[in-house]
């Protein structure tokens, strides 16, 4: 078994029932482009309508890749979209130890 050190970022947002269809439409267009960012290993998105929240979890090859994304143009689109809808969003990142068979 191999242990790989990577990075995980979690972007969580409060999403109202009115905002949900707009968020889904945005993500359908945004996530395929996001997946093309250098250093993105995997993207997982989940929503919990009953709790009024959603989260996007991204596995990154390294901290440098996340830093490049957070200084780039694509994240600005996401932030502008969130601000336009008045969404409450939190961005976090942590070191990830991944065990691979």
PDB file of N, CA and C in Angstrom:
ATOM      1  N   UNK A   1       0.850  -1.188   0.000  1.00  0.00           N
ATOM      2  CA  UNK A   1       0.000   0.000   0.000  1.00  0.00           C
ATOM      3  C   UNK A   1       0.887   1.240   0.000  1.00  0.00           C
ATOM      4  N   UNK A   2       0.551   2.175  -0.852  1.00  0.00           N
ATOM      5  CA  UNK A   2       1.328   3.405  -0.995  1.00  0.00           C
ATOM      6  C   UNK A   2       0.575   4.567  -0.348  1.00  0.00           C
ATOM      7  N   UNK A   3       1.309   5.442   0.352  1.00  0.00           N
ATOM      8  CA  UNK A   3       0.731   6.648   0.943  1.00  0.00           C
ATOM      9  C   UNK A   3       1.191   7.842   0.103  1.00  0.00           C
ATOM     10  N   UNK A   4       0.233   8.631  -0.365  1.00  0.00           N
ATOM     11  CA  UNK A   4       0.520   9.789  -1.202  1.00  0.00           C
ATOM     12  C   UNK A   4       0.049  11.042  -0.468  1.00  0.00           C
ATOM     13  N   UNK A   5       0.890  12.058  -0.422  1.00  0.00           N
ATOM     14  CA  UNK A   5       0.500  13.332   0.183  1.00  0.00           C
ATOM     15  C   UNK A   5      -0.021  14.270  -0.896  1.00  0.00           C
ATOM     16  N   UNK A   6      -1.224  14.756  -0.682  1.00  0.00           N
ATOM     17  CA  UNK A   6      -1.862  15.684  -1.613  1.00  0.00           C
ATOM     18  C   UNK A   6      -2.510  16.790  -0.804  1.00  0.00           C
ATOM     19  N   UNK A   7      -3.405  17.503  -1.426  1.00  0.00           N
ATOM     20  CA  UNK A   7      -4.128  18.578  -0.763  1.00  0.00           C
ATOM     21  C   UNK A   7      -5.609  18.417  -1.084  1.00  0.00           C
ATOM     22  N   UNK A   8      -6.464  18.752  -0.123  1.00  0.00           N
ATOM     23  CA  UNK A   8      -7.905  18.713  -0.357  1.00  0.00           C
ATOM     24  C   UNK A   8      -8.458  20.102  -0.069  1.00  0.00           C
ATOM     25  N   UNK A   9      -9.293  20.595  -0.972  1.00  0.00           N
ATOM     26  CA  UNK A   9      -9.958  21.876  -0.719  1.00  0.00           C
ATOM     27  C   UNK A   9     -11.461  21.633  -0.677  1.00  0.00           C
ATOM     28  N   UNK A  10     -12.102  22.366   0.219  1.00  0.00           N
ATOM     29  CA  UNK A  10     -13.543  22.235   0.391  1.00  0.00           C
ATOM     30  C   UNK A  10     -14.155  23.625   0.277  1.00  0.00           C
ATOM     31  N   UNK A  11     -15.053  23.782  -0.678  1.00  0.00           N
ATOM     32  CA  UNK A  11     -15.790  25.033  -0.834  1.00  0.00           C
ATOM     33  C   UNK A  11     -17.235  24.717  -0.497  1.00  0.00           C
ATOM     34  N   UNK A  12     -17.728  25.310   0.584  1.00  0.00           N
ATOM     35  CA  UNK A  12     -19.106  25.039   1.002  1.00  0.00           C
ATOM     36  C   UNK A  12     -19.912  26.327   0.954  1.00  0.00           C
ATOM     37  N   UNK A  13     -21.172  26.183   0.559  1.00  0.00           N
ATOM     38  CA  UNK A  13     -22.048  27.344   0.395  1.00  0.00           C
ATOM     39  C   UNK A  13     -23.438  27.056   0.932  1.00  0.00           C
ATOM     40  N   UNK A  14     -24.058  28.101   1.457  1.00  0.00           N
ATOM     41  CA  UNK A  14     -25.480  28.063   1.782  1.00  0.00           C
ATOM     42  C   UNK A  14     -26.203  28.336   0.469  1.00  0.00           C
ATOM     43  N   UNK A  15     -27.161  27.468   0.124  1.00  0.00           N
ATOM     44  CA  UNK A  15     -27.878  27.606  -1.150  1.00  0.00           C
ATOM     45  C   UNK A  15     -29.373  27.486  -0.886  1.00  0.00           C
ATOM     46  N   UNK A  16     -30.106  28.544  -1.214  1.00  0.00           N
ATOM     47  CA  UNK A  16     -31.561  28.526  -1.034  1.00  0.00           C
ATOM     48  C   UNK A  16     -32.219  27.756  -2.167  1.00  0.00           C
ATOM     49  N   UNK A  17     -33.491  27.438  -1.997  1.00  0.00           N
ATOM     50  CA  UNK A  17     -34.242  26.725  -3.039  1.00  0.00           C
ATOM     51  C   UNK A  17     -34.309  27.554  -4.315  1.00  0.00           C
ATOM     52  N   UNK A  18     -34.355  28.873  -4.173  1.00  0.00           N
ATOM     53  CA  UNK A  18     -34.387  29.754  -5.346  1.00  0.00           C
ATOM     54  C   UNK A  18     -33.042  29.775  -6.058  1.00  0.00           C
ATOM     55  N   UNK A  19     -31.955  29.693  -5.308  1.00  0.00           N
ATOM     56  CA  UNK A  19     -30.611  29.746  -5.889  1.00  0.00           C
ATOM     57  C   UNK A  19     -30.197  28.417  -6.522  1.00  0.00           C
ATOM     58  N   UNK A  20     -30.727  27.310  -6.005  1.00  0.00           N
ATOM     59  CA  UNK A  20     -30.280  25.971  -6.409  1.00  0.00           C
ATOM     60  C   UNK A  20     -30.257  25.732  -7.925  1.00  0.00           C
ATOM     61  N   UNK A  21     -31.321  26.058  -8.686  1.00  0.00           N
ATOM     62  CA  UNK A  21     -31.264  25.818 -10.138  1.00  0.00           C
ATOM     63  C   UNK A  21     -30.174  26.644 -10.825  1.00  0.00           C
ATOM     64  N   UNK A  22     -29.945  27.859 -10.347  1.00  0.00           N
ATOM     65  CA  UNK A  22     -28.900  28.709 -10.935  1.00  0.00           C
ATOM     66  C   UNK A  22     -27.518  28.136 -10.637  1.00  0.00           C
ATOM     67  N   UNK A  23     -27.346  27.624  -9.435  1.00  0.00           N
ATOM     68  CA  UNK A  23     -26.066  27.019  -9.050  1.00  0.00           C
ATOM     69  C   UNK A  23     -25.806  25.777  -9.901  1.00  0.00           C
ATOM     70  N   UNK A  24     -26.815  24.944 -10.073  1.00  0.00           N
ATOM     71  CA  UNK A  24     -26.662  23.734 -10.874  1.00  0.00           C
ATOM     72  C   UNK A  24     -26.271  24.071 -12.309  1.00  0.00           C
ATOM     73  N   UNK A  25     -26.940  25.043 -12.894  1.00  0.00           N
ATOM     74  CA  UNK A  25     -26.626  25.464 -14.274  1.00  0.00           C
ATOM     75  C   UNK A  25     -25.187  25.990 -14.363  1.00  0.00           C
ATOM     76  N   UNK A  26     -24.785  26.811 -13.390  1.00  0.00           N
ATOM     77  CA  UNK A  26     -23.424  27.343 -13.361  1.00  0.00           C
ATOM     78  C   UNK A  26     -22.406  26.197 -13.284  1.00  0.00           C
ATOM     79  N   UNK A  27     -22.635  25.241 -12.386  1.00  0.00           N
ATOM     80  CA  UNK A  27     -21.687  24.140 -12.193  1.00  0.00           C
ATOM     81  C   UNK A  27     -21.580  23.236 -13.413  1.00  0.00           C
ATOM     82  N   UNK A  28     -22.669  23.046 -14.139  1.00  0.00           N
ATOM     83  CA  UNK A  28     -22.636  22.226 -15.358  1.00  0.00           C
ATOM     84  C   UNK A  28     -21.642  22.792 -16.369  1.00  0.00           C
ATOM     85  N   UNK A  29     -21.508  24.089 -16.394  1.00  0.00           N
ATOM     86  CA  UNK A  29     -20.590  24.752 -17.313  1.00  0.00           C
ATOM     87  C   UNK A  29     -19.205  24.922 -16.691  1.00  0.00           C
ATOM     88  N   UNK A  30     -19.173  25.178 -15.390  1.00  0.00           N
ATOM     89  CA  UNK A  30     -17.927  25.503 -14.696  1.00  0.00           C
ATOM     90  C   UNK A  30     -17.059  24.278 -14.387  1.00  0.00           C
ATOM     91  N   UNK A  31     -17.667  23.211 -13.869  1.00  0.00           N
ATOM     92  CA  UNK A  31     -16.888  22.056 -13.403  1.00  0.00           C
ATOM     93  C   UNK A  31     -16.036  21.387 -14.494  1.00  0.00           C
ATOM     94  N   UNK A  32     -16.526  21.214 -15.725  1.00  0.00           N
ATOM     95  CA  UNK A  32     -15.644  20.633 -16.756  1.00  0.00           C
ATOM     96  C   UNK A  32     -14.389  21.476 -17.012  1.00  0.00           C
ATOM     97  N   UNK A  33     -14.538  22.785 -16.956  1.00  0.00           N
ATOM     98  CA  UNK A  33     -13.359  23.656 -17.146  1.00  0.00           C
ATOM     99  C   UNK A  33     -12.450  23.599 -15.921  1.00  0.00           C
ATOM    100  N   UNK A  34     -13.064  23.528 -14.746  1.00  0.00           N
ATOM    101  CA  UNK A  34     -12.308  23.435 -13.501  1.00  0.00           C
ATOM    102  C   UNK A  34     -11.459  22.160 -13.495  1.00  0.00           C
ATOM    103  N   UNK A  35     -12.037  21.064 -13.967  1.00  0.00           N
ATOM    104  CA  UNK A  35     -11.326  19.777 -14.005  1.00  0.00           C
ATOM    105  C   UNK A  35     -10.060  19.867 -14.851  1.00  0.00           C
ATOM    106  N   UNK A  36     -10.015  20.810 -15.796  1.00  0.00           N
ATOM    107  CA  UNK A  36      -8.852  20.967 -16.673  1.00  0.00           C
ATOM    108  C   UNK A  36      -7.704  21.730 -16.023  1.00  0.00           C
ATOM    109  N   UNK A  37      -7.950  22.317 -14.846  1.00  0.00           N
ATOM    110  CA  UNK A  37      -6.891  23.059 -14.147  1.00  0.00           C
ATOM    111  C   UNK A  37      -5.723  22.124 -13.832  1.00  0.00           C
ATOM    112  N   UNK A  38      -4.507  22.632 -13.981  1.00  0.00           N
ATOM    113  CA  UNK A  38      -3.327  21.842 -13.655  1.00  0.00           C
ATOM    114  C   UNK A  38      -3.360  21.428 -12.191  1.00  0.00           C
ATOM    115  N   UNK A  39      -3.091  20.159 -11.938  1.00  0.00           N
ATOM    116  CA  UNK A  39      -2.999  19.676 -10.573  1.00  0.00           C
ATOM    117  C   UNK A  39      -4.284  19.164  -9.970  1.00  0.00           C
ATOM    118  N   UNK A  40      -5.422  19.287 -10.681  1.00  0.00           N
ATOM    119  CA  UNK A  40      -6.683  18.750 -10.169  1.00  0.00           C
ATOM    120  C   UNK A  40      -6.687  17.238 -10.410  1.00  0.00           C
ATOM    121  N   UNK A  41      -6.852  16.476  -9.326  1.00  0.00           N
ATOM    122  CA  UNK A  41      -6.908  15.019  -9.416  1.00  0.00           C
ATOM    123  C   UNK A  41      -8.356  14.559  -9.539  1.00  0.00           C
ATOM    124  N   UNK A  42      -9.242  15.124  -8.714  1.00  0.00           N
ATOM    125  CA  UNK A  42     -10.655  14.737  -8.724  1.00  0.00           C
ATOM    126  C   UNK A  42     -11.495  15.859  -8.136  1.00  0.00           C
ATOM    127  N   UNK A  43     -12.747  15.932  -8.591  1.00  0.00           N
ATOM    128  CA  UNK A  43     -13.704  16.909  -8.064  1.00  0.00           C
ATOM    129  C   UNK A  43     -14.964  16.145  -7.672  1.00  0.00           C
ATOM    130  N   UNK A  44     -15.440  16.419  -6.463  1.00  0.00           N
ATOM    131  CA  UNK A  44     -16.686  15.837  -5.973  1.00  0.00           C
ATOM    132  C   UNK A  44     -17.590  16.985  -5.550  1.00  0.00           C
ATOM    133  N   UNK A  45     -18.837  16.936  -5.966  1.00  0.00           N
ATOM    134  CA  UNK A  45     -19.785  17.969  -5.558  1.00  0.00           C
ATOM    135  C   UNK A  45     -21.001  17.281  -4.965  1.00  0.00           C
ATOM    136  N   UNK A  46     -21.443  17.773  -3.831  1.00  0.00           N
ATOM    137  CA  UNK A  46     -22.673  17.230  -3.260  1.00  0.00           C
ATOM    138  C   UNK A  46     -23.570  18.360  -2.806  1.00  0.00           C
ATOM    139  N   UNK A  47     -24.865  18.059  -2.771  1.00  0.00           N
ATOM    140  CA  UNK A  47     -25.840  19.047  -2.307  1.00  0.00           C
ATOM    141  C   UNK A  47     -26.799  18.380  -1.342  1.00  0.00           C
ATOM    142  N   UNK A  48     -27.233  19.165  -0.362  1.00  0.00           N
ATOM    143  CA  UNK A  48     -28.203  18.687   0.621  1.00  0.00           C
ATOM    144  C   UNK A  48     -29.323  19.720   0.685  1.00  0.00           C
ATOM    145  N   UNK A  49     -30.291  19.607  -0.233  1.00  0.00           N
ATOM    146  CA  UNK A  49     -31.376  20.584  -0.286  1.00  0.00           C
ATOM    147  C   UNK A  49     -32.131  20.723   1.041  1.00  0.00           C
ATOM    148  N   UNK A  50     -32.271  19.605   1.750  1.00  0.00           N
ATOM    149  CA  UNK A  50     -32.988  19.654   3.019  1.00  0.00           C
ATOM    150  C   UNK A  50     -32.246  20.474   4.079  1.00  0.00           C
ATOM    151  N   UNK A  51     -30.934  20.612   3.919  1.00  0.00           N
ATOM    152  CA  UNK A  51     -30.133  21.415   4.860  1.00  0.00           C
ATOM    153  C   UNK A  51     -29.787  22.792   4.280  1.00  0.00           C
ATOM    154  N   UNK A  52     -30.040  22.973   2.978  1.00  0.00           N
ATOM    155  CA  UNK A  52     -29.755  24.258   2.342  1.00  0.00           C
ATOM    156  C   UNK A  52     -28.278  24.526   2.123  1.00  0.00           C
ATOM    157  N   UNK A  53     -27.516  23.455   1.839  1.00  0.00           N
ATOM    158  CA  UNK A  53     -26.095  23.682   1.572  1.00  0.00           C
ATOM    159  C   UNK A  53     -25.575  22.754   0.481  1.00  0.00           C
ATOM    160  N   UNK A  54     -24.425  23.132  -0.057  1.00  0.00           N
ATOM    161  CA  UNK A  54     -23.727  22.362  -1.081  1.00  0.00           C
ATOM    162  C   UNK A  54     -22.239  22.495  -0.824  1.00  0.00           C
ATOM    163  N   UNK A  55     -21.466  21.532  -1.327  1.00  0.00           N
ATOM    164  CA  UNK A  55     -20.012  21.614  -1.178  1.00  0.00           C
ATOM    165  C   UNK A  55     -19.328  21.000  -2.391  1.00  0.00           C
ATOM    166  N   UNK A  56     -18.189  21.575  -2.727  1.00  0.00           N
ATOM    167  CA  UNK A  56     -17.337  21.031  -3.769  1.00  0.00           C
ATOM    168  C   UNK A  56     -16.013  20.663  -3.107  1.00  0.00           C
ATOM    169  N   UNK A  57     -15.632  19.414  -3.267  1.00  0.00           N
ATOM    170  CA  UNK A  57     -14.393  18.907  -2.688  1.00  0.00           C
ATOM    171  C   UNK A  57     -13.446  18.603  -3.841  1.00  0.00           C
ATOM    172  N   UNK A  58     -12.239  19.154  -3.763  1.00  0.00           N
ATOM    173  CA  UNK A  58     -11.265  18.964  -4.838  1.00  0.00           C
ATOM    174  C   UNK A  58     -10.004  18.347  -4.250  1.00  0.00           C
ATOM    175  N   UNK A  59      -9.511  17.305  -4.898  1.00  0.00           N
ATOM    176  CA  UNK A  59      -8.233  16.704  -4.542  1.00  0.00           C
ATOM    177  C   UNK A  59      -7.193  17.303  -5.495  1.00  0.00           C
ATOM    178  N   UNK A  60      -6.159  17.886  -4.911  1.00  0.00           N
ATOM    179  CA  UNK A  60      -5.088  18.545  -5.668  1.00  0.00           C
ATOM    180  C   UNK A  60      -3.796  17.750  -5.531  1.00  0.00           C
ATOM    181  N   UNK A  61      -2.986  17.780  -6.593  1.00  0.00           N
ATOM    182  CA  UNK A  61      -1.680  17.114  -6.541  1.00  0.00           C
ATOM    183  C   UNK A  61      -0.793  17.733  -5.464  1.00  0.00           C
ATOM    184  N   UNK A  62      -0.864  19.061  -5.338  1.00  0.00           N
ATOM    185  CA  UNK A  62       0.017  19.739  -4.387  1.00  0.00           C
ATOM    186  C   UNK A  62      -0.502  21.144  -4.090  1.00  0.00           C
ATOM    187  N   UNK A  63       0.108  21.772  -3.119  1.00  0.00           N
ATOM    188  CA  UNK A  63      -0.301  23.107  -2.696  1.00  0.00           C
ATOM    189  C   UNK A  63      -0.070  24.149  -3.796  1.00  0.00           C
ATOM    190  N   UNK A  64       0.973  23.943  -4.579  1.00  0.00           N
ATOM    191  CA  UNK A  64       1.294  24.854  -5.682  1.00  0.00           C
ATOM    192  C   UNK A  64       0.134  24.932  -6.685  1.00  0.00           C
ATOM    193  N   UNK A  65      -0.481  23.790  -6.964  1.00  0.00           N
ATOM    194  CA  UNK A  65      -1.605  23.749  -7.912  1.00  0.00           C
ATOM    195  C   UNK A  65      -2.800  24.531  -7.384  1.00  0.00           C
ATOM    196  N   UNK A  66      -3.117  24.350  -6.109  1.00  0.00           N
ATOM    197  CA  UNK A  66      -4.222  25.099  -5.508  1.00  0.00           C
ATOM    198  C   UNK A  66      -3.924  26.595  -5.512  1.00  0.00           C
ATOM    199  N   UNK A  67      -2.701  26.959  -5.170  1.00  0.00           N
ATOM    200  CA  UNK A  67      -2.304  28.371  -5.146  1.00  0.00           C
ATOM    201  C   UNK A  67      -2.455  28.992  -6.544  1.00  0.00           C
ATOM    202  N   UNK A  68      -2.042  28.256  -7.574  1.00  0.00           N
ATOM    203  CA  UNK A  68      -2.147  28.749  -8.960  1.00  0.00           C
ATOM    204  C   UNK A  68      -3.612  29.003  -9.310  1.00  0.00           C
ATOM    205  N   UNK A  69      -4.493  28.058  -8.932  1.00  0.00           N
ATOM    206  CA  UNK A  69      -5.921  28.221  -9.197  1.00  0.00           C
ATOM    207  C   UNK A  69      -6.478  29.429  -8.453  1.00  0.00           C
ATOM    208  N   UNK A  70      -6.130  29.565  -7.192  1.00  0.00           N
ATOM    209  CA  UNK A  70      -6.674  30.653  -6.374  1.00  0.00           C
ATOM    210  C   UNK A  70      -6.153  32.023  -6.782  1.00  0.00           C
ATOM    211  N   UNK A  71      -5.105  32.050  -7.589  1.00  0.00           N
ATOM    212  CA  UNK A  71      -4.591  33.324  -8.112  1.00  0.00           C
ATOM    213  C   UNK A  71      -4.998  33.536  -9.564  1.00  0.00           C
ATOM    214  N   UNK A  72      -5.729  32.590 -10.130  1.00  0.00           N
ATOM    215  CA  UNK A  72      -6.072  32.639 -11.552  1.00  0.00           C
ATOM    216  C   UNK A  72      -7.434  33.239 -11.856  1.00  0.00           C
ATOM    217  N   UNK A  73      -7.816  33.154 -13.122  1.00  0.00           N
ATOM    218  CA  UNK A  73      -9.066  33.748 -13.616  1.00  0.00           C
ATOM    219  C   UNK A  73     -10.303  32.931 -13.261  1.00  0.00           C
ATOM    220  N   UNK A  74     -10.174  31.604 -13.261  1.00  0.00           N
ATOM    221  CA  UNK A  74     -11.345  30.746 -13.092  1.00  0.00           C
ATOM    222  C   UNK A  74     -12.018  30.947 -11.735  1.00  0.00           C
ATOM    223  N   UNK A  75     -11.232  31.056 -10.686  1.00  0.00           N
ATOM    224  CA  UNK A  75     -11.838  31.249  -9.364  1.00  0.00           C
ATOM    225  C   UNK A  75     -12.579  32.582  -9.288  1.00  0.00           C
ATOM    226  N   UNK A  76     -12.108  33.558 -10.050  1.00  0.00           N
ATOM    227  CA  UNK A  76     -12.775  34.869 -10.061  1.00  0.00           C
ATOM    228  C   UNK A  76     -14.194  34.744 -10.606  1.00  0.00           C
ATOM    229  N   UNK A  77     -14.388  33.857 -11.580  1.00  0.00           N
ATOM    230  CA  UNK A  77     -15.737  33.599 -12.110  1.00  0.00           C
ATOM    231  C   UNK A  77     -16.640  33.047 -11.021  1.00  0.00           C
ATOM    232  N   UNK A  78     -16.110  32.073 -10.275  1.00  0.00           N
ATOM    233  CA  UNK A  78     -16.897  31.446  -9.206  1.00  0.00           C
ATOM    234  C   UNK A  78     -17.249  32.470  -8.131  1.00  0.00           C
ATOM    235  N   UNK A  79     -16.291  33.273  -7.734  1.00  0.00           N
ATOM    236  CA  UNK A  79     -16.529  34.284  -6.690  1.00  0.00           C
ATOM    237  C   UNK A  79     -17.540  35.317  -7.169  1.00  0.00           C
ATOM    238  N   UNK A  80     -17.420  35.745  -8.421  1.00  0.00           N
ATOM    239  CA  UNK A  80     -18.364  36.723  -8.978  1.00  0.00           C
ATOM    240  C   UNK A  80     -19.779  36.138  -8.995  1.00  0.00           C
ATOM    241  N   UNK A  81     -19.907  34.866  -9.361  1.00  0.00           N
ATOM    242  CA  UNK A  81     -21.204  34.207  -9.372  1.00  0.00           C
ATOM    243  C   UNK A  81     -21.793  34.160  -7.960  1.00  0.00           C
ATOM    244  N   UNK A  82     -20.985  33.765  -6.995  1.00  0.00           N
ATOM    245  CA  UNK A  82     -21.437  33.691  -5.600  1.00  0.00           C
ATOM    246  C   UNK A  82     -21.889  35.064  -5.099  1.00  0.00           C
ATOM    247  N   UNK A  83     -21.116  36.080  -5.432  1.00  0.00           N
ATOM    248  CA  UNK A  83     -21.460  37.442  -4.992  1.00  0.00           C
ATOM    249  C   UNK A  83     -22.744  37.922  -5.655  1.00  0.00           C
ATOM    250  N   UNK A  84     -22.898  37.608  -6.925  1.00  0.00           N
ATOM    251  CA  UNK A  84     -24.104  38.002  -7.665  1.00  0.00           C
ATOM    252  C   UNK A  84     -25.361  37.419  -7.002  1.00  0.00           C
ATOM    253  N   UNK A  85     -25.264  36.172  -6.544  1.00  0.00           N
ATOM    254  CA  UNK A  85     -26.405  35.524  -5.899  1.00  0.00           C
ATOM    255  C   UNK A  85     -26.483  35.831  -4.396  1.00  0.00           C
ATOM    256  N   UNK A  86     -25.454  36.483  -3.867  1.00  0.00           N
ATOM    257  CA  UNK A  86     -25.438  36.780  -2.439  1.00  0.00           C
ATOM    258  C   UNK A  86     -25.242  35.533  -1.588  1.00  0.00           C
ATOM    259  N   UNK A  87     -24.472  34.587  -2.106  1.00  0.00           N
ATOM    260  CA  UNK A  87     -24.253  33.331  -1.399  1.00  0.00           C
ATOM    261  C   UNK A  87     -23.200  33.485  -0.300  1.00  0.00           C
ATOM    262  N   UNK A  88     -23.402  32.753   0.769  1.00  0.00           N
ATOM    263  CA  UNK A  88     -22.436  32.700   1.870  1.00  0.00           C
ATOM    264  C   UNK A  88     -21.547  31.478   1.609  1.00  0.00           C
ATOM    265  N   UNK A  89     -20.256  31.715   1.322  1.00  0.00           N
ATOM    266  CA  UNK A  89     -19.353  30.640   0.917  1.00  0.00           C
ATOM    267  C   UNK A  89     -18.106  30.617   1.792  1.00  0.00           C
ATOM    268  N   UNK A  90     -17.625  29.413   2.081  1.00  0.00           N
ATOM    269  CA  UNK A  90     -16.400  29.223   2.851  1.00  0.00           C
ATOM    270  C   UNK A  90     -15.445  28.361   2.035  1.00  0.00           C
ATOM    271  N   UNK A  91     -14.164  28.763   1.991  1.00  0.00           N
ATOM    272  CA  UNK A  91     -13.134  27.985   1.298  1.00  0.00           C
ATOM    273  C   UNK A  91     -12.075  27.559   2.308  1.00  0.00           C
ATOM    274  N   UNK A  92     -11.784  26.256   2.328  1.00  0.00           N
ATOM    275  CA  UNK A  92     -10.788  25.703   3.236  1.00  0.00           C
ATOM    276  C   UNK A  92      -9.873  24.768   2.450  1.00  0.00           C
ATOM    277  N   UNK A  93      -8.669  24.503   2.975  1.00  0.00           N
ATOM    278  CA  UNK A  93      -7.757  23.543   2.346  1.00  0.00           C
ATOM    279  C   UNK A  93      -6.945  22.854   3.439  1.00  0.00           C
ATOM    280  N   UNK A  94      -6.689  21.563   3.216  1.00  0.00           N
ATOM    281  CA  UNK A  94      -5.973  20.752   4.193  1.00  0.00           C
ATOM    282  C   UNK A  94      -5.031  19.790   3.488  1.00  0.00           C
ATOM    283  N   UNK A  95      -3.974  19.403   4.183  1.00  0.00           N
ATOM    284  CA  UNK A  95      -3.097  18.351   3.689  1.00  0.00           C
ATOM    285  C   UNK A  95      -3.878  17.047   3.733  1.00  0.00           C
ATOM    286  N   UNK A  96      -3.697  16.223   2.735  1.00  0.00           N
ATOM    287  CA  UNK A  96      -4.423  14.957   2.624  1.00  0.00           C
ATOM    288  C   UNK A  96      -3.428  13.824   2.468  1.00  0.00           C
ATOM    289  N   UNK A  97      -3.565  12.812   3.298  1.00  0.00           N
ATOM    290  CA  UNK A  97      -2.772  11.587   3.121  1.00  0.00           C
ATOM    291  C   UNK A  97      -3.701  10.563   2.499  1.00  0.00           C
ATOM    292  N   UNK A  98      -3.358  10.109   1.320  1.00  0.00           N
ATOM    293  CA  UNK A  98      -4.201   9.200   0.572  1.00  0.00           C
ATOM    294  C   UNK A  98      -3.524   7.827   0.487  1.00  0.00           C
ATOM    295  N   UNK A  99      -4.208   6.796   0.951  1.00  0.00           N
ATOM    296  CA  UNK A  99      -3.672   5.436   0.872  1.00  0.00           C
ATOM    297  C   UNK A  99      -4.166   4.798  -0.426  1.00  0.00           C
ATOM    298  N   UNK A 100      -3.232   4.336  -1.231  1.00  0.00           N
ATOM    299  CA  UNK A 100      -3.566   3.735  -2.514  1.00  0.00           C
ATOM    300  C   UNK A 100      -3.140   2.272  -2.496  1.00  0.00           C
ATOM    301  N   UNK A 101      -4.014   1.401  -2.960  1.00  0.00           N
ATOM    302  CA  UNK A 101      -3.682  -0.029  -3.013  1.00  0.00           C
ATOM    303  C   UNK A 101      -2.710  -0.312  -4.119  1.00  0.00           C
TER     304      UNK A 101
END
